[in-house]
Protein backbone atom coordinates (compact mmCIF):
# COMPACT_ATOMS: atom_id res chain seq x y z
CA UNK A 1 0.29 16.52 -7.83
CA UNK A 2 -2.23 17.48 -5.19
CA UNK A 3 -2.57 16.69 -1.53
CA UNK A 4 -1.68 18.02 1.89
CA UNK A 5 1.25 20.41 1.97
CA UNK A 6 2.83 18.27 4.70
CA UNK A 7 2.65 14.65 3.55
CA UNK A 8 4.56 13.64 6.69
CA UNK A 9 1.61 14.54 8.91
CA UNK A 10 0.32 11.44 10.63
CA UNK A 11 3.17 9.32 9.33
CA UNK A 12 4.50 6.15 11.02
CA UNK A 13 7.37 6.28 13.49
CA UNK A 14 10.37 4.06 14.18
CA UNK A 15 9.98 2.03 10.98
CA UNK A 16 12.42 -0.89 10.65
CA UNK A 17 11.32 -2.24 7.27
CA UNK A 18 8.75 -2.14 4.48
CA UNK A 19 6.80 -4.94 2.80
CA UNK A 20 5.57 -4.17 -0.74
CA UNK A 21 3.11 -6.26 -2.75
CA UNK A 22 2.07 -6.09 -6.42
CA UNK A 23 -1.23 -5.70 -8.21
CA UNK A 24 -3.20 -8.74 -9.33
CA UNK A 25 -1.64 -8.83 -12.81
CA UNK A 26 1.94 -8.10 -11.79
CA UNK A 27 4.76 -9.52 -9.70
CA UNK A 28 7.30 -8.30 -7.16
CA UNK A 29 9.43 -6.77 -9.94
CA UNK A 30 6.79 -4.22 -10.98
CA UNK A 31 8.62 -0.99 -11.86
CA UNK A 32 6.89 1.07 -9.17
CA UNK A 33 7.82 -1.38 -6.41
CA UNK A 34 11.43 -1.47 -7.62
CA UNK A 35 11.52 2.36 -7.67
CA UNK A 36 10.14 2.44 -4.14
CA UNK A 37 12.77 0.03 -2.86
CA UNK A 38 15.51 2.16 -4.41
CA UNK A 39 14.06 5.37 -2.98
CA UNK A 40 13.75 3.89 0.52
CA UNK A 41 17.34 2.58 0.68
CA UNK A 42 18.98 1.82 3.07
CA UNK A 43 15.69 0.92 4.82
CA UNK A 44 15.13 -2.83 4.36
CA UNK A 45 12.38 -3.59 1.82
CA UNK A 46 10.76 -6.94 1.04
CA UNK A 47 9.10 -7.04 -2.39
CA UNK A 48 6.76 -9.98 -2.16
CA UNK A 49 4.94 -12.17 -4.67
CA UNK A 50 1.56 -13.63 -3.84
CA UNK A 51 1.21 -17.45 -4.02
CA UNK A 52 -0.40 -17.36 -7.48
CA UNK A 53 2.83 -15.98 -8.97
CA UNK A 54 4.88 -18.61 -7.19
CA UNK A 55 2.67 -21.21 -8.89
CA UNK A 56 3.08 -19.49 -12.26
CA UNK A 57 -0.57 -18.41 -12.39
CA UNK A 58 -1.76 -14.93 -13.35
CA UNK A 59 -5.18 -15.43 -11.72
CA UNK A 60 -5.21 -13.64 -8.35
CA UNK A 61 -5.47 -15.62 -5.15
CA UNK A 62 -8.60 -15.55 -3.04
CA UNK A 63 -8.29 -12.81 -0.38
CA UNK A 64 -8.04 -15.28 2.49
CA UNK A 65 -5.09 -17.02 0.79
CA UNK A 66 -3.34 -13.76 -0.10
CA UNK A 67 -3.83 -12.25 3.36
CA UNK A 68 -2.56 -15.37 5.14
CA UNK A 69 0.54 -15.41 2.90
CA UNK A 70 1.17 -11.72 3.52
CA UNK A 71 0.83 -12.14 7.28
CA UNK A 72 3.24 -15.12 7.26
CA UNK A 73 5.84 -13.37 5.11
CA UNK A 74 5.65 -10.08 7.04
CA UNK A 75 6.08 -11.95 10.33
CA UNK A 76 9.12 -13.81 8.98
CA UNK A 77 10.63 -10.58 7.57
CA UNK A 78 10.17 -8.82 10.92
CA UNK A 79 11.82 -11.76 12.69
CA UNK A 80 14.83 -11.54 10.33
CA UNK A 81 15.10 -7.85 11.22
CA UNK A 82 14.84 -8.66 14.93
CA UNK A 83 11.65 -6.63 15.43
CA UNK A 84 7.92 -7.16 15.70
CA UNK A 85 5.58 -6.54 12.77
CA UNK A 86 4.54 -3.31 14.52
CA UNK A 87 7.83 -1.84 13.22
CA UNK A 88 6.91 -2.59 9.59
CA UNK A 89 5.03 -0.57 7.01
CA UNK A 90 2.86 -2.77 4.77
CA UNK A 91 1.55 -1.79 1.39
CA UNK A 92 1.35 -2.31 -2.30
CA UNK A 93 -0.26 -1.51 -5.59
CA UNK A 94 -3.95 -2.08 -6.25
CA UNK A 95 -4.74 -5.69 -5.19
CA UNK A 96 -1.57 -5.74 -3.07
CA UNK A 97 -2.59 -2.63 -1.17
CA UNK A 98 -6.09 -4.00 -0.68
CA UNK A 99 -4.73 -7.28 0.71
CA UNK A 100 -2.35 -5.34 2.98
CA UNK A 101 -5.23 -3.26 4.31
CA UNK A 102 -7.26 -6.41 4.94
CA UNK A 103 -4.35 -7.99 6.85
CA UNK A 104 -4.11 -4.88 9.03
CA UNK A 105 -7.89 -4.71 9.50
CA UNK A 106 -7.81 -8.35 10.63
CA UNK A 107 -5.35 -7.51 13.39
CA UNK A 108 -1.79 -7.66 12.00
CA UNK A 109 0.06 -4.99 14.01
CA UNK A 110 2.05 -2.63 11.75
CA UNK A 111 3.50 0.88 11.91
CA UNK A 112 1.65 2.08 8.83
CA UNK A 113 -0.05 1.21 5.56
CA UNK A 114 0.67 2.40 2.00
CA UNK A 115 -2.11 2.10 -0.58
CA UNK A 116 -0.94 2.74 -4.15
CA UNK A 117 -3.79 2.97 -6.67
CA UNK A 118 -6.25 1.46 -4.20
CA UNK A 119 -8.91 -0.44 -6.21
CA UNK A 120 -11.95 1.16 -4.61
CA UNK A 121 -14.26 -0.48 -7.12
CA UNK A 122 -14.02 -2.23 -10.51
CA UNK A 123 -13.93 0.25 -13.42
CA UNK A 124 -17.44 1.41 -14.26
CA UNK A 125 -18.91 -0.27 -11.17
CA UNK A 126 -18.94 2.37 -8.41
CA UNK A 127 -21.66 0.33 -6.68
CA UNK A 128 -19.20 -2.51 -5.95
CA UNK A 129 -17.14 -0.83 -3.24
CA UNK A 130 -14.26 -2.61 -1.50
CA UNK A 131 -14.46 -0.70 1.76
CA UNK A 132 -16.15 -2.83 4.44
CA UNK A 133 -12.89 -3.52 6.29
CA UNK A 134 -11.50 0.01 6.21
CA UNK A 135 -13.04 1.22 9.51
CA UNK A 136 -11.00 -1.53 11.22
CA UNK A 137 -7.73 0.08 10.05
CA UNK A 138 -6.39 2.21 12.91
CA UNK A 139 -2.77 2.82 11.83
CA UNK A 140 -1.40 5.74 9.77
CA UNK A 141 -2.34 5.33 6.09
CA UNK A 142 -0.86 6.91 2.97
CA UNK A 143 -2.94 6.60 -0.21
CA UNK A 144 -1.39 7.62 -3.54
CA UNK A 145 -3.48 7.37 -6.72
CA UNK A 146 -3.63 8.75 -10.23
CA UNK A 147 -6.01 11.63 -10.87
CA UNK A 148 -7.72 9.65 -13.66
CA UNK A 149 -7.81 6.22 -12.00
CA UNK A 150 -10.94 4.34 -13.19
CA UNK A 151 -10.80 2.21 -10.01
CA UNK A 152 -11.55 5.31 -7.92
CA UNK A 153 -11.63 9.03 -8.62
CA UNK A 154 -9.98 11.48 -6.21
CA UNK A 155 -13.43 12.44 -4.95
CA UNK A 156 -14.48 8.81 -4.42
CA UNK A 157 -11.24 7.86 -2.71
CA UNK A 158 -11.28 10.93 -0.48
CA UNK A 159 -14.84 10.11 0.61
CA UNK A 160 -14.49 6.38 1.19
CA UNK A 161 -10.95 6.23 2.59
CA UNK A 162 -12.10 8.70 5.25
CA UNK A 163 -13.65 5.70 7.02
CA UNK A 164 -10.12 4.62 8.02
CA UNK A 165 -9.77 5.34 11.74
CA UNK A 166 -6.02 5.98 11.67
CA UNK A 167 -4.40 9.20 10.42
CA UNK A 168 -4.94 9.40 6.65
CA UNK A 169 -2.81 11.18 4.04
CA UNK A 170 -4.06 11.20 0.43
CA UNK A 171 -1.98 12.36 -2.53
CA UNK A 172 -3.09 12.39 -6.18
CA UNK A 173 -0.52 12.34 -8.96
CA UNK A 174 -0.77 12.71 -12.72
CA UNK A 175 -1.94 9.54 -14.44
CA UNK A 176 -4.41 6.67 -14.29
CA UNK A 177 -4.29 3.32 -12.44
CA UNK A 178 -0.57 2.99 -13.27
CA UNK A 179 0.94 6.47 -12.89
CA UNK A 180 4.03 6.75 -15.07
CA UNK A 181 6.01 9.06 -12.79
CA UNK A 182 7.49 6.49 -10.42
CA UNK A 183 9.89 9.11 -9.04
CA UNK A 184 6.99 11.29 -7.87
CA UNK A 185 5.20 8.34 -6.25
CA UNK A 186 8.42 7.11 -4.63
CA UNK A 187 9.23 10.57 -3.25
CA UNK A 188 5.82 10.85 -1.60
CA UNK A 189 6.15 7.40 -0.03
CA UNK A 190 9.74 8.00 1.09
CA UNK A 191 8.90 11.34 2.70
CA UNK A 192 5.92 9.82 4.52
CA UNK A 193 7.87 6.82 5.83
CA UNK A 194 11.28 8.31 6.64
CA UNK A 195 10.68 12.08 6.58
CA UNK A 196 11.45 14.80 4.07
CA UNK A 197 15.11 15.28 3.25
CA UNK A 198 16.12 11.76 4.30
């Protein structure tokens, strides 16, 4: 694993809950999201499906549909916790992280953003970058990706995620787009959200 020695630098504060979203081909029960919820306990976590999964479809929703759903569900989750969305951390794997970042870029107030295996570009298509909205992200961001991720190499991610205007922490773990070591990923996320040793 590589990254800053202090992954808590620039981390969110006073977090009341976490919303986690899956990649385009997965659902809320993806093993990494489940591991994250367990690692973050007792912090409340909402693992969320996108509307396509609720309809029984594997085809991903259009971004505007996914982002609207995420905004609605995050707002309702915050209300159940008795806080504003600015006390939540949003994030997810791949498509889910991208949709979370778009929701934040479009003005959803949150405490922080977690991007797991951010899909910087389609495999083999480094010219098709998914970065236009990133300069509008001004909250603390944690990005965790595999060192051999075909959706974005460490060098590519380091370069392009630097356009985020909030504090950015990047960590690269062993693996590809679906790193196998969920414990390592969960530990990084837990330490960033709640602090080391919590």
